[in-house]
Protein backbone atom coordinates (compact mmCIF):
# COMPACT_ATOMS: atom_id res chain seq x y z
CA UNK A 1 51.83 -35.71 30.49
CA UNK A 2 50.84 -32.07 29.96
CA UNK A 3 51.63 -32.34 26.26
CA UNK A 4 49.40 -35.38 25.92
CA UNK A 5 46.55 -33.60 27.72
CA UNK A 6 46.97 -30.51 25.52
CA UNK A 7 46.84 -32.65 22.38
CA UNK A 8 43.69 -34.40 23.62
CA UNK A 9 42.07 -31.06 24.52
CA UNK A 10 42.95 -29.60 21.12
CA UNK A 11 41.46 -32.59 19.36
CA UNK A 12 38.33 -32.43 21.51
CA UNK A 13 38.01 -28.71 20.83
CA UNK A 14 38.41 -29.30 17.10
CA UNK A 15 35.81 -32.06 17.17
CA UNK A 16 33.45 -29.79 19.14
CA UNK A 17 33.82 -26.98 16.60
CA UNK A 18 33.25 -29.37 13.70
CA UNK A 19 30.25 -30.85 15.48
CA UNK A 20 28.85 -27.37 16.10
CA UNK A 21 29.14 -26.45 12.42
CA UNK A 22 27.53 -29.73 11.40
CA UNK A 23 24.66 -29.14 13.83
CA UNK A 24 24.14 -25.58 12.59
CA UNK A 25 24.19 -26.76 8.97
CA UNK A 26 21.70 -29.51 9.78
CA UNK A 27 19.38 -27.04 11.55
CA UNK A 28 19.66 -24.68 8.60
CA UNK A 29 18.68 -27.43 6.18
CA UNK A 30 15.72 -28.37 8.39
CA UNK A 31 14.62 -24.72 8.53
CA UNK A 32 14.80 -24.43 4.74
CA UNK A 33 12.52 -27.44 4.48
CA UNK A 34 9.89 -25.89 6.76
CA UNK A 35 6.79 -24.17 5.43
CA UNK A 36 7.14 -20.39 5.95
CA UNK A 37 4.76 -18.76 8.39
CA UNK A 38 1.82 -16.63 7.32
CA UNK A 39 3.52 -13.51 8.74
CA UNK A 40 6.68 -14.19 6.71
CA UNK A 41 4.71 -14.54 3.50
CA UNK A 42 2.60 -11.39 3.93
CA UNK A 43 5.49 -9.23 5.23
CA UNK A 44 5.47 -5.79 3.59
CA UNK A 45 9.08 -6.29 2.48
CA UNK A 46 8.41 -9.70 0.88
CA UNK A 47 8.31 -8.41 -2.69
CA UNK A 48 9.87 -10.01 -5.75
CA UNK A 49 13.55 -9.14 -5.89
CA UNK A 50 13.49 -9.11 -9.69
CA UNK A 51 10.70 -6.55 -10.05
CA UNK A 52 11.54 -3.00 -11.08
CA UNK A 53 8.67 -1.96 -8.80
CA UNK A 54 10.11 -3.65 -5.70
CA UNK A 55 11.00 -0.50 -3.73
CA UNK A 56 7.81 1.28 -4.76
CA UNK A 57 5.73 -1.75 -3.84
CA UNK A 58 7.23 -1.82 -0.35
CA UNK A 59 6.42 1.87 0.16
CA UNK A 60 2.91 1.15 -1.10
CA UNK A 61 2.42 -1.84 1.17
CA UNK A 62 3.75 -0.05 4.24
CA UNK A 63 1.29 2.85 3.86
CA UNK A 64 -1.89 1.10 2.66
CA UNK A 65 -5.04 1.05 4.80
CA UNK A 66 -8.69 0.12 4.48
CA UNK A 67 -11.28 2.85 5.06
CA UNK A 68 -14.66 1.71 6.40
CA UNK A 69 -17.65 4.06 6.43
CA UNK A 70 -21.06 3.35 7.98
CA UNK A 71 -24.30 4.89 6.74
CA UNK A 72 -26.34 5.19 9.97
CA UNK A 73 -29.62 5.48 8.08
CA UNK A 74 -29.32 2.33 6.02
CA UNK A 75 -26.68 0.60 8.20
CA UNK A 76 -24.74 -0.15 5.02
CA UNK A 77 -20.97 -0.24 5.26
CA UNK A 78 -18.83 0.92 2.36
CA UNK A 79 -15.20 -0.01 2.02
CA UNK A 80 -12.41 1.83 0.25
CA UNK A 81 -8.63 1.93 0.31
CA UNK A 82 -6.36 4.73 1.44
CA UNK A 83 -2.78 5.88 1.92
CA UNK A 84 -1.20 6.96 5.20
CA UNK A 85 0.61 10.27 4.65
CA UNK A 86 2.25 12.95 6.75
CA UNK A 87 2.55 16.71 6.42
CA UNK A 88 4.07 19.11 8.97
CA UNK A 89 4.16 16.46 11.73
CA UNK A 90 0.46 15.68 11.28
CA UNK A 91 -0.89 12.42 9.91
CA UNK A 92 -3.63 11.82 7.38
CA UNK A 93 -5.34 9.21 5.24
CA UNK A 94 -5.78 10.13 1.58
CA UNK A 95 -8.74 8.32 0.05
CA UNK A 96 -11.74 8.86 -2.23
CA UNK A 97 -14.77 11.03 -1.46
CA UNK A 98 -17.43 8.71 -2.87
CA UNK A 99 -19.04 6.50 -0.26
CA UNK A 100 -17.40 8.33 2.64
CA UNK A 101 -19.53 9.68 5.48
CA UNK A 102 -18.53 13.19 6.56
CA UNK A 103 -19.05 12.35 10.24
CA UNK A 104 -15.91 10.98 11.88
CA UNK A 105 -17.98 8.87 14.25
CA UNK A 106 -18.95 6.60 11.36
CA UNK A 107 -15.48 6.23 9.82
CA UNK A 108 -12.76 3.78 10.83
CA UNK A 109 -9.25 3.25 9.50
CA UNK A 110 -8.50 -0.47 9.40
CA UNK A 111 -5.01 -1.95 9.32
CA UNK A 112 -6.19 -5.15 7.70
CA UNK A 113 -3.43 -7.67 7.01
CA UNK A 114 -5.91 -10.45 6.41
CA UNK A 115 -6.77 -10.69 10.10
CA UNK A 116 -10.16 -8.95 10.02
CA UNK A 117 -11.33 -5.64 11.46
CA UNK A 118 -9.85 -5.91 14.95
CA UNK A 119 -6.88 -3.63 14.31
CA UNK A 120 -8.40 -0.25 13.55
CA UNK A 121 -7.83 3.44 14.29
CA UNK A 122 -10.26 6.25 15.00
CA UNK A 123 -10.95 9.12 12.64
CA UNK A 124 -9.66 12.28 14.37
CA UNK A 125 -11.00 14.85 11.92
CA UNK A 126 -12.23 14.93 8.34
CA UNK A 127 -10.24 17.75 6.78
CA UNK A 128 -11.68 17.77 3.27
CA UNK A 129 -14.15 15.91 1.09
CA UNK A 130 -13.92 17.05 -2.53
CA UNK A 131 -16.63 15.36 -4.58
CA UNK A 132 -15.50 17.03 -7.82
CA UNK A 133 -11.94 15.67 -7.84
CA UNK A 134 -13.10 12.70 -5.73
CA UNK A 135 -10.70 12.78 -2.83
CA UNK A 136 -10.89 13.04 0.94
CA UNK A 137 -8.30 13.88 3.57
CA UNK A 138 -8.85 12.35 7.00
CA UNK A 139 -6.67 13.33 9.96
CA UNK A 140 -5.60 10.52 12.28
CA UNK A 141 -3.25 10.04 15.19
CA UNK A 142 0.20 8.67 14.41
CA UNK A 143 0.05 5.00 13.43
CA UNK A 144 3.21 3.24 14.56
CA UNK A 145 2.42 0.09 12.57
CA UNK A 146 2.68 1.96 9.26
CA UNK A 147 5.26 4.08 7.42
CA UNK A 148 3.75 7.38 6.24
CA UNK A 149 4.44 8.91 2.85
CA UNK A 150 6.02 12.35 3.29
CA UNK A 151 4.03 14.62 1.01
CA UNK A 152 6.55 17.47 0.79
CA UNK A 153 9.80 15.52 0.53
CA UNK A 154 8.38 13.10 -2.05
CA UNK A 155 6.77 15.79 -4.23
CA UNK A 156 7.24 15.32 -7.97
CA UNK A 157 8.92 17.98 -10.09
CA UNK A 158 7.71 19.06 -13.53
CA UNK A 159 10.10 16.61 -15.22
CA UNK A 160 9.04 13.85 -12.83
CA UNK A 161 5.43 14.33 -13.92
CA UNK A 162 6.32 14.26 -17.61
CA UNK A 163 8.19 10.97 -17.19
CA UNK A 164 5.60 9.46 -14.83
CA UNK A 165 2.65 10.23 -17.10
CA UNK A 166 4.34 8.91 -20.24
CA UNK A 167 2.65 5.85 -21.79
CA UNK A 168 4.04 2.47 -20.65
CA UNK A 169 5.45 3.91 -17.42
CA UNK A 170 5.27 1.32 -14.63
CA UNK A 171 3.03 2.07 -11.65
CA UNK A 172 1.94 0.09 -8.60
CA UNK A 173 -0.74 0.26 -5.92
CA UNK A 174 -1.80 -1.70 -2.85
CA UNK A 175 -5.47 -1.86 -1.95
CA UNK A 176 -8.58 -3.89 -1.25
CA UNK A 177 -10.45 -4.63 -4.50
CA UNK A 178 -13.61 -6.63 -3.79
CA UNK A 179 -12.62 -6.46 -0.10
CA UNK A 180 -9.68 -8.70 -0.95
CA UNK A 181 -6.30 -7.92 0.39
CA UNK A 182 -4.23 -6.10 0.93
CA UNK A 183 -3.08 -6.97 -2.57
CA UNK A 184 -0.30 -5.28 -4.53
CA UNK A 185 -1.01 -4.74 -8.22
CA UNK A 186 1.23 -3.40 -10.97
CA UNK A 187 0.19 -1.55 -14.09
CA UNK A 188 1.28 0.77 -16.88
CA UNK A 189 0.20 4.23 -17.96
CA UNK A 190 -1.89 3.85 -21.09
CA UNK A 191 -3.12 7.40 -21.54
CA UNK A 192 -4.11 10.74 -20.07
CA UNK A 193 -7.41 12.61 -20.30
CA UNK A 194 -8.23 16.29 -20.74
CA UNK A 195 -9.87 16.10 -17.30
CA UNK A 196 -6.40 15.39 -15.84
CA UNK A 197 -7.00 11.72 -15.15
CA UNK A 198 -4.44 8.97 -15.66
CA UNK A 199 -5.59 5.83 -17.47
CA UNK A 200 -3.67 2.85 -16.12
CA UNK A 201 -3.73 -0.61 -17.66
CA UNK A 202 -3.99 -2.71 -14.53
CA UNK A 203 -6.80 -4.26 -12.50
CA UNK A 204 -9.40 -2.64 -10.29
CA UNK A 205 -12.71 -3.34 -8.62
CA UNK A 206 -14.96 -1.87 -5.95
CA UNK A 207 -12.92 -1.40 -2.79
CA UNK A 208 -9.71 -0.46 -4.62
CA UNK A 209 -10.85 3.16 -4.87
CA UNK A 210 -8.57 5.40 -2.84
CA UNK A 211 -5.49 3.22 -3.18
CA UNK A 212 -2.28 5.23 -3.44
CA UNK A 213 -0.52 4.82 -6.80
CA UNK A 214 3.29 4.98 -6.87
CA UNK A 215 5.93 5.25 -9.60
CA UNK A 216 9.15 3.22 -9.69
CA UNK A 217 10.93 5.80 -7.51
CA UNK A 218 8.40 5.24 -4.73
CA UNK A 219 6.78 8.63 -5.24
CA UNK A 220 3.05 8.92 -4.62
CA UNK A 221 1.56 10.04 -7.93
CA UNK A 222 -2.18 9.77 -7.23
CA UNK A 223 -4.97 7.50 -6.09
CA UNK A 224 -7.35 5.06 -7.75
CA UNK A 225 -10.72 6.64 -8.44
CA UNK A 226 -12.65 4.19 -10.61
CA UNK A 227 -12.64 1.66 -13.42
CA UNK A 228 -14.15 2.39 -16.79
CA UNK A 229 -17.44 1.17 -18.21
CA UNK A 230 -17.62 0.22 -21.88
CA UNK A 231 -20.55 -0.12 -24.24
CA UNK A 232 -20.70 -3.17 -26.47
CA UNK A 233 -23.22 -4.70 -28.83
CA UNK A 234 -24.44 -6.71 -25.85
CA UNK A 235 -24.81 -3.76 -23.49
CA UNK A 236 -22.66 -2.13 -20.82
CA UNK A 237 -19.56 -3.98 -19.66
CA UNK A 238 -17.10 -3.31 -16.85
CA UNK A 239 -13.53 -2.66 -18.00
CA UNK A 240 -11.77 -3.86 -14.87
CA UNK A 241 -8.38 -3.60 -16.58
CA UNK A 242 -8.67 0.16 -17.21
CA UNK A 243 -8.12 2.00 -13.94
CA UNK A 244 -8.74 5.75 -13.62
CA UNK A 245 -6.23 7.52 -11.36
CA UNK A 246 -6.51 11.02 -9.89
CA UNK A 247 -3.02 12.62 -10.04
CA UNK A 248 -1.64 13.98 -6.78
CA UNK A 249 -1.44 17.56 -8.05
CA UNK A 250 -5.25 17.72 -7.99
CA UNK A 251 -5.18 17.44 -4.19
CA UNK A 252 -5.35 20.81 -2.41
CA UNK A 253 -3.14 20.26 0.63
CA UNK A 254 -3.42 23.91 1.69
CA UNK A 255 -6.70 23.07 3.47
CA UNK A 256 -4.67 21.17 6.05
CA UNK A 257 -3.19 24.42 7.38
CA UNK A 258 -6.60 26.01 7.91
CA UNK A 259 -8.36 23.15 9.72
């Protein structure tokens, strides 16, 4: 009798295991047929597996912010992009100087993932606004929702710069052109100017200024400053596919230690 019961139990157990696997497989098939959620699609790590810029794009996406600045006289709001960085256990936003108010009370750092302006951080202190090289350094409290770029550990060597600035080198940035985004855009080095500016064949528009630009190794190499204007027989035209980048070595980080 015991043997018969054991055989029945074994068969029931086997059927249960088979049924469990069939159920799991069925649920998996159903899940694969579902439409992915918005959060899954816009996840910072959801970058094309086949792209040589995949790792750099993730670093870019995990450190990108929107910088909003209010002019209290005109009540106009200007928008730019920025990169969340860290130096000596302090946290900063690297962005452009143009359009930025020098009063922290009128500056907000927005973590905009397409959900509007609700998720923002205060400006703690404006460390530097350099209108000549067109960059600004804004100190902020630690932002747990982002991954900061470590300025010292990710610093480029002389050989790194030579390779990074070579024509046809792949670069990537994440920003908010035309207040759209965050969007991640690739490009290639097309030239270098005597004013120490990188010309990148990519795409840019108002709002992308300040976006951190990264090489394939995920090193921060500079930030978007502008797009070029060209003169034609029909007048002035915007060259939105020629992006001007300020290289990182033009940023004077020593000011951080004195303010």
